[in-house]
Protein backbone atom coordinates (compact mmCIF):
# COMPACT_ATOMS: atom_id res chain seq x y z
CA MET A 1 0.03 -0.05 -0.03
CA PRO A 2 1.46 3.45 -0.97
CA GLU A 3 2.42 5.67 1.88
CA ASP A 4 -0.30 8.27 1.07
CA PHE A 5 -2.99 5.64 1.51
CA LYS A 6 -1.49 4.53 4.80
CA LYS A 7 -1.61 8.14 6.01
CA ILE A 8 -5.24 8.54 4.83
CA ASP A 9 -6.26 5.24 6.57
CA SER A 10 -4.58 6.49 9.75
CA ILE A 11 -6.57 9.68 9.70
CA LYS A 12 -9.84 7.84 9.02
CA ASN A 13 -9.09 5.47 11.94
CA GLN A 14 -8.44 8.45 14.23
CA TYR A 15 -11.58 10.41 13.24
CA CYS A 16 -14.21 7.83 12.27
CA THR A 17 -16.06 5.25 14.22
CA SER A 18 -15.38 1.58 13.40
CA SER A 19 -19.00 1.17 12.27
CA LEU A 20 -18.55 4.03 9.70
CA LEU A 21 -15.20 2.54 8.51
CA HIS A 22 -16.87 -0.80 7.87
CA LYS A 23 -19.66 0.86 5.93
CA ILE A 24 -17.13 2.75 3.86
CA LYS A 25 -15.11 -0.43 3.15
CA ARG A 26 -18.16 -2.31 2.03
CA LEU A 27 -19.14 0.43 -0.48
CA ASN A 28 -15.75 -0.04 -2.30
CA LEU A 29 -15.77 3.50 -3.73
CA ASP A 30 -13.40 4.73 -6.18
CA TYR A 31 -13.49 8.27 -4.77
CA ASP A 32 -13.11 9.84 -1.29
CA ILE A 33 -16.43 9.71 0.49
CA PHE A 34 -15.66 12.73 2.55
CA LEU A 35 -14.50 14.86 -0.31
CA GLN A 36 -17.01 13.46 -2.77
CA ALA A 37 -14.11 13.57 -5.27
CA ASN A 38 -10.99 11.91 -6.55
CA ASP A 39 -8.81 15.06 -6.33
CA MET A 40 -8.29 17.93 -3.93
CA ASP A 41 -6.53 21.17 -4.38
CA THR A 42 -5.05 23.02 -1.42
CA VAL A 43 -6.92 26.16 -2.63
CA MET A 44 -10.18 24.39 -1.53
CA LEU A 45 -9.00 24.34 2.03
CA LYS A 46 -9.40 28.12 2.05
CA THR A 47 -13.20 27.70 1.35
CA LEU A 48 -13.72 25.02 3.93
CA ASP A 49 -16.71 25.86 6.25
CA ILE A 50 -18.01 23.77 9.10
CA LYS A 51 -21.29 24.59 10.76
CA LYS A 52 -23.04 22.97 13.74
CA ASP A 53 -26.82 22.44 13.22
CA SER A 54 -28.88 24.56 15.53
CA ARG A 55 -31.48 21.90 16.06
CA ARG A 56 -29.37 18.77 16.41
CA ASN A 57 -26.26 18.68 18.65
CA ASP A 58 -24.70 15.80 16.68
CA LEU A 59 -25.16 17.21 13.17
CA TYR A 60 -22.52 19.28 11.37
CA THR A 61 -22.38 20.49 7.81
CA VAL A 62 -19.11 20.70 6.10
CA SER A 63 -18.81 22.57 2.76
CA TYR A 64 -16.14 23.70 0.44
CA LEU A 65 -15.78 25.09 -3.10
CA ASP A 66 -14.74 22.45 -5.66
CA VAL A 67 -12.43 24.57 -7.84
CA PHE A 68 -12.49 22.04 -10.64
CA ASN A 69 -16.07 22.55 -11.43
CA ASN A 70 -16.81 25.77 -9.44
CA LYS A 71 -19.48 24.30 -7.34
CA THR A 72 -19.98 24.05 -3.66
CA VAL A 73 -19.97 20.56 -2.12
CA SER A 74 -21.99 20.18 1.19
CA ILE A 75 -21.71 17.15 3.36
CA GLU A 76 -23.72 16.47 6.51
CA LEU A 77 -21.98 14.44 9.27
CA ILE A 78 -23.19 12.90 12.44
CA ILE A 79 -20.54 13.31 15.21
CA VAL A 80 -20.56 11.09 18.33
CA ARG A 81 -18.38 11.06 21.55
CA GLN A 82 -16.32 8.00 22.17
CA LYS A 83 -14.51 8.38 25.48
CA GLU A 84 -12.75 11.65 25.30
CA LEU A 85 -12.83 11.84 21.47
CA TYR A 86 -15.33 12.93 19.02
CA LYS A 87 -15.64 10.91 15.77
CA ILE A 88 -17.57 10.94 12.56
CA ASP A 89 -20.30 8.20 12.85
CA SER A 90 -22.29 8.84 9.63
CA LEU A 91 -22.65 10.76 6.51
CA LEU A 92 -26.22 11.74 5.98
CA ARG A 93 -26.07 13.36 2.57
CA SER A 94 -23.85 15.10 0.00
CA VAL A 95 -25.04 17.81 -2.07
CA TRP A 96 -23.47 19.62 -5.06
CA LEU A 97 -24.79 23.22 -5.17
């Protein structure tokens, strides 16, 4: 496994619940489920926006501008607490705006 993939897996293990990791693995996607893309440009990081839902304590919306097609990608995440850590437990929906 290339070093980049090992690093990505390490980050996912750190920030995702085991149940989400199993779901992602079963999907066998050819793109990154969190980015909703194959590629990422560091310019996109400057557009990254994270908002907590005002009605649900566990719901967050993450969005960024995809500079390749000039559209905003919006992803809803469910966050849970596991011991002293907060982890992503579910992706509710992804929207291209």
